[in-house]
Amino acid sequence: MTHAPTRILFVLPSFAGGGAERVALTLLASLDPTSFSPALAVLDNRGPLADMVPEGTPVTDLETPRLRRALVPLVLAIRKAKPDIVFSTLGYVNLALLAAQPFLPQCTRIVVREANMPSLSLPNTSHPASFKTAHRFLYPRADIVICTSEQMAEEMGRDFTILPANISLLPNPVDEVAVRRAAAPIERAR
């Protein structure tokens, strides 16, 4: 008996050229299609990374670049898509999805990837104390918190009470083919 592929909805604010967006799109492109059925919801479909979306991947453009205006349309899009998993990789989007969790289909799992060490990134936000409190309150709600290093995993457990069973370690992926293709040939001095 074969099982239907796991439906996973990736959520991005845009196709801006940031590292977190690139990592999410690299992960989306590398999913085994026999195991996963990926889709993408994007608040604003503009940006240089749009070409990284694999052909045939369903993309829902919410046409609302500001998260505070896009949250209700995003929740409605998730309810319509009924994914098994919602995946996000930017802290403020992670927090919004975790806060909106009661409004999502009951069996929807939320997987968040932390792109930066919170101890380094949160002090640089507009409201450091509020963001730290939101992380402490909301991140334990995630089904899985993906960390890029052991140090980050330790910090998430210690500072935000994420249970070890809910932390997964996944270093940043590298698209080796794309890196090799973009690398310029070495010119040797004569």
C-alpha atoms as a PDB file:
ATOM      1  CA  MET A   1       0.000   0.000   0.000  1.00  0.00           C
ATOM      2  CA  THR A   2       1.444   3.374  -0.980  1.00  0.00           C
ATOM      3  CA  HIS A   3       0.893   6.496   1.042  1.00  0.00           C
ATOM      4  CA  ALA A   4       0.036   9.870  -0.431  1.00  0.00           C
ATOM      5  CA  PRO A   5       2.947  12.316  -0.378  1.00  0.00           C
ATOM      6  CA  THR A   6       3.088  14.655   2.621  1.00  0.00           C
ATOM      7  CA  ARG A   7       1.689  18.050   1.630  1.00  0.00           C
ATOM      8  CA  ILE A   8       4.087  20.766   2.741  1.00  0.00           C
ATOM      9  CA  LEU A   9       3.446  24.469   2.322  1.00  0.00           C
ATOM     10  CA  PHE A  10       6.486  26.732   2.404  1.00  0.00           C
ATOM     11  CA  VAL A  11       5.776  30.321   3.476  1.00  0.00           C
ATOM     12  CA  LEU A  12       8.024  33.185   2.365  1.00  0.00           C
ATOM     13  CA  PRO A  13       7.537  36.942   2.560  1.00  0.00           C
ATOM     14  CA  SER A  14       9.034  37.414  -0.936  1.00  0.00           C
ATOM     15  CA  PHE A  15      11.650  36.180  -3.368  1.00  0.00           C
ATOM     16  CA  ALA A  16      14.162  38.713  -2.058  1.00  0.00           C
ATOM     17  CA  GLY A  17      17.762  37.660  -2.330  1.00  0.00           C
ATOM     18  CA  GLY A  18      18.245  36.846   1.352  1.00  0.00           C
ATOM     19  CA  GLY A  19      19.927  33.743   2.674  1.00  0.00           C
ATOM     20  CA  ALA A  20      16.839  32.455   4.509  1.00  0.00           C
ATOM     21  CA  GLU A  21      14.736  32.642   1.350  1.00  0.00           C
ATOM     22  CA  ARG A  22      17.486  30.905  -0.641  1.00  0.00           C
ATOM     23  CA  VAL A  23      17.716  28.102   1.954  1.00  0.00           C
ATOM     24  CA  ALA A  24      13.935  27.567   1.933  1.00  0.00           C
ATOM     25  CA  LEU A  25      13.815  27.418  -1.857  1.00  0.00           C
ATOM     26  CA  THR A  26      16.813  25.045  -1.947  1.00  0.00           C
ATOM     27  CA  LEU A  27      15.058  22.759   0.552  1.00  0.00           C
ATOM     28  CA  LEU A  28      11.806  22.935  -1.437  1.00  0.00           C
ATOM     29  CA  ALA A  29      13.621  22.005  -4.659  1.00  0.00           C
ATOM     30  CA  SER A  30      15.428  19.073  -3.047  1.00  0.00           C
ATOM     31  CA  LEU A  31      12.355  17.330  -1.605  1.00  0.00           C
ATOM     32  CA  ASP A  32      11.711  13.812  -2.872  1.00  0.00           C
ATOM     33  CA  PRO A  33       8.493  14.094  -4.933  1.00  0.00           C
ATOM     34  CA  THR A  34       7.509  10.538  -4.026  1.00  0.00           C
ATOM     35  CA  SER A  35       7.417  11.534  -0.348  1.00  0.00           C
ATOM     36  CA  PHE A  36       6.451  15.224  -0.456  1.00  0.00           C
ATOM     37  CA  SER A  37       4.035  17.386  -2.388  1.00  0.00           C
ATOM     38  CA  PRO A  38       5.398  20.929  -1.936  1.00  0.00           C
ATOM     39  CA  ALA A  39       3.603  24.205  -2.509  1.00  0.00           C
ATOM     40  CA  LEU A  40       4.555  27.782  -1.758  1.00  0.00           C
ATOM     41  CA  ALA A  41       2.709  30.757  -0.311  1.00  0.00           C
ATOM     42  CA  VAL A  42       4.439  34.088  -0.751  1.00  0.00           C
ATOM     43  CA  LEU A  43       3.289  37.442   0.566  1.00  0.00           C
ATOM     44  CA  ASP A  44       4.799  39.244  -2.440  1.00  0.00           C
ATOM     45  CA  ASN A  45       6.065  37.287  -5.445  1.00  0.00           C
ATOM     46  CA  ARG A  46       8.690  39.826  -6.487  1.00  0.00           C
ATOM     47  CA  GLY A  47      12.422  39.322  -6.158  1.00  0.00           C
ATOM     48  CA  PRO A  48      15.437  37.775  -7.848  1.00  0.00           C
ATOM     49  CA  LEU A  49      14.947  34.295  -6.358  1.00  0.00           C
ATOM     50  CA  ALA A  50      11.633  33.628  -8.149  1.00  0.00           C
ATOM     51  CA  ASP A  51      13.566  31.584 -10.718  1.00  0.00           C
ATOM     52  CA  MET A  52      14.534  29.113  -7.961  1.00  0.00           C
ATOM     53  CA  VAL A  53      10.947  27.878  -7.620  1.00  0.00           C
ATOM     54  CA  PRO A  54      10.854  24.456  -9.276  1.00  0.00           C
ATOM     55  CA  GLU A  55       8.632  24.237 -12.339  1.00  0.00           C
ATOM     56  CA  GLY A  56       5.209  22.875 -11.488  1.00  0.00           C
ATOM     57  CA  THR A  57       5.298  24.007  -7.847  1.00  0.00           C
ATOM     58  CA  PRO A  58       1.973  25.650  -6.975  1.00  0.00           C
ATOM     59  CA  VAL A  59       2.561  29.238  -5.827  1.00  0.00           C
ATOM     60  CA  THR A  60      -0.049  31.289  -3.982  1.00  0.00           C
ATOM     61  CA  ASP A  61       0.775  34.991  -4.211  1.00  0.00           C
ATOM     62  CA  LEU A  62      -1.005  36.852  -1.434  1.00  0.00           C
ATOM     63  CA  GLU A  63      -0.106  40.159  -3.107  1.00  0.00           C
ATOM     64  CA  THR A  64       0.325  41.794   0.291  1.00  0.00           C
ATOM     65  CA  PRO A  65       3.962  42.486   1.170  1.00  0.00           C
ATOM     66  CA  ARG A  66       3.263  43.543   4.770  1.00  0.00           C
ATOM     67  CA  LEU A  67       2.788  40.608   7.149  1.00  0.00           C
ATOM     68  CA  ARG A  68       0.273  42.403   9.339  1.00  0.00           C
ATOM     69  CA  ARG A  69      -2.037  42.782   6.318  1.00  0.00           C
ATOM     70  CA  ALA A  70      -1.191  39.350   4.902  1.00  0.00           C
ATOM     71  CA  LEU A  71      -1.819  37.277   8.038  1.00  0.00           C
ATOM     72  CA  VAL A  72      -5.558  36.761   7.501  1.00  0.00           C
ATOM     73  CA  PRO A  73      -5.133  35.956   3.773  1.00  0.00           C
ATOM     74  CA  LEU A  74      -2.273  33.603   4.729  1.00  0.00           C
ATOM     75  CA  VAL A  75      -4.427  31.777   7.288  1.00  0.00           C
ATOM     76  CA  LEU A  76      -7.207  31.481   4.692  1.00  0.00           C
ATOM     77  CA  ALA A  77      -4.728  30.140   2.104  1.00  0.00           C
ATOM     78  CA  ILE A  78      -3.464  27.546   4.600  1.00  0.00           C
ATOM     79  CA  ARG A  79      -7.023  26.521   5.455  1.00  0.00           C
ATOM     80  CA  LYS A  80      -7.812  26.139   1.753  1.00  0.00           C
ATOM     81  CA  ALA A  81      -4.618  24.165   0.958  1.00  0.00           C
ATOM     82  CA  LYS A  82      -4.933  21.922   4.044  1.00  0.00           C
ATOM     83  CA  PRO A  83      -1.225  21.063   4.140  1.00  0.00           C
ATOM     84  CA  ASP A  84       0.126  18.444   6.495  1.00  0.00           C
ATOM     85  CA  ILE A  85       3.055  20.752   7.310  1.00  0.00           C
ATOM     86  CA  VAL A  86       3.579  24.503   7.132  1.00  0.00           C
ATOM     87  CA  PHE A  87       7.276  25.468   6.913  1.00  0.00           C
ATOM     88  CA  SER A  88       8.697  28.917   7.595  1.00  0.00           C
ATOM     89  CA  THR A  89      12.239  30.166   8.009  1.00  0.00           C
ATOM     90  CA  LEU A  90      12.092  33.846   8.934  1.00  0.00           C
ATOM     91  CA  GLY A  91      11.649  34.703  12.608  1.00  0.00           C
ATOM     92  CA  TYR A  92       8.821  37.212  12.302  1.00  0.00           C
ATOM     93  CA  VAL A  93       6.866  34.928   9.957  1.00  0.00           C
ATOM     94  CA  ASN A  94       7.539  32.003  12.313  1.00  0.00           C
ATOM     95  CA  LEU A  95       6.065  33.990  15.199  1.00  0.00           C
ATOM     96  CA  ALA A  96       3.010  35.018  13.185  1.00  0.00           C
ATOM     97  CA  LEU A  97       2.293  31.434  12.098  1.00  0.00           C
ATOM     98  CA  LEU A  98       2.692  30.129  15.633  1.00  0.00           C
ATOM     99  CA  ALA A  99       0.373  32.855  16.954  1.00  0.00           C
ATOM    100  CA  ALA A 100      -2.186  31.963  14.250  1.00  0.00           C
ATOM    101  CA  GLN A 101      -1.964  28.232  14.979  1.00  0.00           C
ATOM    102  CA  PRO A 102      -5.411  28.049  16.669  1.00  0.00           C
ATOM    103  CA  PHE A 103      -6.972  29.226  13.373  1.00  0.00           C
ATOM    104  CA  LEU A 104      -5.247  26.608  11.206  1.00  0.00           C
ATOM    105  CA  PRO A 105      -6.634  23.161  10.415  1.00  0.00           C
ATOM    106  CA  GLN A 106      -6.292  21.067  13.560  1.00  0.00           C
ATOM    107  CA  CYS A 107      -3.806  18.482  12.261  1.00  0.00           C
ATOM    108  CA  THR A 108      -1.492  21.011  10.562  1.00  0.00           C
ATOM    109  CA  ARG A 109       2.047  20.711  11.875  1.00  0.00           C
ATOM    110  CA  ILE A 110       4.198  23.841  12.006  1.00  0.00           C
ATOM    111  CA  VAL A 111       7.894  23.488  11.309  1.00  0.00           C
ATOM    112  CA  VAL A 112       9.985  26.617  11.804  1.00  0.00           C
ATOM    113  CA  ARG A 113      13.605  27.067  10.877  1.00  0.00           C
ATOM    114  CA  GLU A 114      15.595  29.587  12.855  1.00  0.00           C
ATOM    115  CA  ALA A 115      17.899  31.376  10.425  1.00  0.00           C
ATOM    116  CA  ASN A 116      19.991  33.254  13.027  1.00  0.00           C
ATOM    117  CA  MET A 117      21.211  32.807  16.567  1.00  0.00           C
ATOM    118  CA  PRO A 118      18.491  34.508  18.651  1.00  0.00           C
ATOM    119  CA  SER A 119      21.063  35.818  21.148  1.00  0.00           C
ATOM    120  CA  LEU A 120      22.691  37.725  18.288  1.00  0.00           C
ATOM    121  CA  SER A 121      19.668  38.705  16.199  1.00  0.00           C
ATOM    122  CA  LEU A 122      16.985  39.582  18.772  1.00  0.00           C
ATOM    123  CA  PRO A 123      18.937  42.472  20.375  1.00  0.00           C
ATOM    124  CA  ASN A 124      19.007  44.114  16.922  1.00  0.00           C
ATOM    125  CA  THR A 125      15.227  44.064  16.415  1.00  0.00           C
ATOM    126  CA  SER A 126      13.035  47.127  16.865  1.00  0.00           C
ATOM    127  CA  HIS A 127      11.641  45.773  20.169  1.00  0.00           C
ATOM    128  CA  PRO A 128      14.163  43.257  21.604  1.00  0.00           C
ATOM    129  CA  ALA A 129      12.288  42.485  24.841  1.00  0.00           C
ATOM    130  CA  SER A 130       8.976  41.948  23.028  1.00  0.00           C
ATOM    131  CA  PHE A 131      10.543  39.661  20.420  1.00  0.00           C
ATOM    132  CA  LYS A 132      12.340  37.642  23.089  1.00  0.00           C
ATOM    133  CA  THR A 133       9.091  37.246  25.040  1.00  0.00           C
ATOM    134  CA  ALA A 134       7.251  36.232  21.862  1.00  0.00           C
ATOM    135  CA  HIS A 135       9.937  33.625  21.137  1.00  0.00           C
ATOM    136  CA  ARG A 136       9.681  32.251  24.684  1.00  0.00           C
ATOM    137  CA  PHE A 137       5.899  32.028  24.485  1.00  0.00           C
ATOM    138  CA  LEU A 138       5.366  30.932  20.864  1.00  0.00           C
ATOM    139  CA  TYR A 139       8.349  28.818  19.804  1.00  0.00           C
ATOM    140  CA  PRO A 140       7.489  25.945  22.183  1.00  0.00           C
ATOM    141  CA  ARG A 141       4.239  25.591  20.178  1.00  0.00           C
ATOM    142  CA  ALA A 142       6.171  24.551  17.047  1.00  0.00           C
ATOM    143  CA  ASP A 143       6.075  20.888  16.191  1.00  0.00           C
ATOM    144  CA  ILE A 144       9.708  21.108  15.079  1.00  0.00           C
ATOM    145  CA  VAL A 145      12.262  23.905  15.406  1.00  0.00           C
ATOM    146  CA  ILE A 146      15.049  23.448  12.881  1.00  0.00           C
ATOM    147  CA  CYS A 147      18.413  24.755  14.049  1.00  0.00           C
ATOM    148  CA  THR A 148      21.469  25.192  11.848  1.00  0.00           C
ATOM    149  CA  SER A 149      24.052  24.363  14.519  1.00  0.00           C
ATOM    150  CA  GLU A 150      24.496  22.549  17.822  1.00  0.00           C
ATOM    151  CA  GLN A 151      25.076  25.915  19.521  1.00  0.00           C
ATOM    152  CA  MET A 152      21.749  27.217  18.220  1.00  0.00           C
ATOM    153  CA  ALA A 153      19.971  24.019  19.312  1.00  0.00           C
ATOM    154  CA  GLU A 154      21.400  24.393  22.829  1.00  0.00           C
ATOM    155  CA  GLU A 155      20.321  28.039  22.962  1.00  0.00           C
ATOM    156  CA  MET A 156      16.791  27.244  21.782  1.00  0.00           C
ATOM    157  CA  GLY A 157      16.427  24.576  24.463  1.00  0.00           C
ATOM    158  CA  ARG A 158      17.979  26.630  27.233  1.00  0.00           C
ATOM    159  CA  ASP A 159      16.537  30.086  26.529  1.00  0.00           C
ATOM    160  CA  PHE A 160      13.197  29.215  24.928  1.00  0.00           C
ATOM    161  CA  THR A 161      12.337  25.872  26.588  1.00  0.00           C
ATOM    162  CA  ILE A 162      12.114  23.950  23.324  1.00  0.00           C
ATOM    163  CA  LEU A 163      12.085  20.253  24.159  1.00  0.00           C
ATOM    164  CA  PRO A 164      15.023  18.295  22.676  1.00  0.00           C
ATOM    165  CA  ALA A 165      12.538  16.021  20.866  1.00  0.00           C
ATOM    166  CA  ASN A 166      11.183  19.107  19.054  1.00  0.00           C
ATOM    167  CA  ILE A 167      14.585  20.346  17.875  1.00  0.00           C
ATOM    168  CA  SER A 168      16.045  19.113  14.632  1.00  0.00           C
ATOM    169  CA  LEU A 169      19.553  19.944  13.456  1.00  0.00           C
ATOM    170  CA  LEU A 170      19.891  20.789   9.760  1.00  0.00           C
ATOM    171  CA  PRO A 171      22.930  22.779   8.615  1.00  0.00           C
ATOM    172  CA  ASN A 172      22.376  25.216   5.776  1.00  0.00           C
ATOM    173  CA  PRO A 173      22.066  23.346   2.482  1.00  0.00           C
ATOM    174  CA  VAL A 174      24.401  24.099  -0.385  1.00  0.00           C
ATOM    175  CA  ASP A 175      23.318  23.748  -4.001  1.00  0.00           C
ATOM    176  CA  GLU A 176      26.645  22.383  -5.169  1.00  0.00           C
ATOM    177  CA  VAL A 177      25.671  22.345  -8.851  1.00  0.00           C
ATOM    178  CA  ALA A 178      24.624  26.010  -8.788  1.00  0.00           C
ATOM    179  CA  VAL A 179      27.783  27.027  -6.915  1.00  0.00           C
ATOM    180  CA  ARG A 180      30.005  25.231  -9.410  1.00  0.00           C
ATOM    181  CA  ARG A 181      28.065  26.713 -12.334  1.00  0.00           C
ATOM    182  CA  ALA A 182      28.424  30.247 -10.934  1.00  0.00           C
ATOM    183  CA  ALA A 183      32.117  29.876 -10.115  1.00  0.00           C
ATOM    184  CA  ALA A 184      34.367  31.670 -12.552  1.00  0.00           C
ATOM    185  CA  PRO A 185      37.223  29.696 -14.078  1.00  0.00           C
ATOM    186  CA  ILE A 186      40.523  30.185 -12.299  1.00  0.00           C
ATOM    187  CA  GLU A 187      42.930  32.370 -14.203  1.00  0.00           C
ATOM    188  CA  ARG A 188      46.526  31.568 -13.528  1.00  0.00           C
ATOM    189  CA  ALA A 189      49.322  34.138 -13.742  1.00  0.00           C
ATOM    190  CA  ARG A 190      51.844  33.427 -16.496  1.00  0.00           C
END
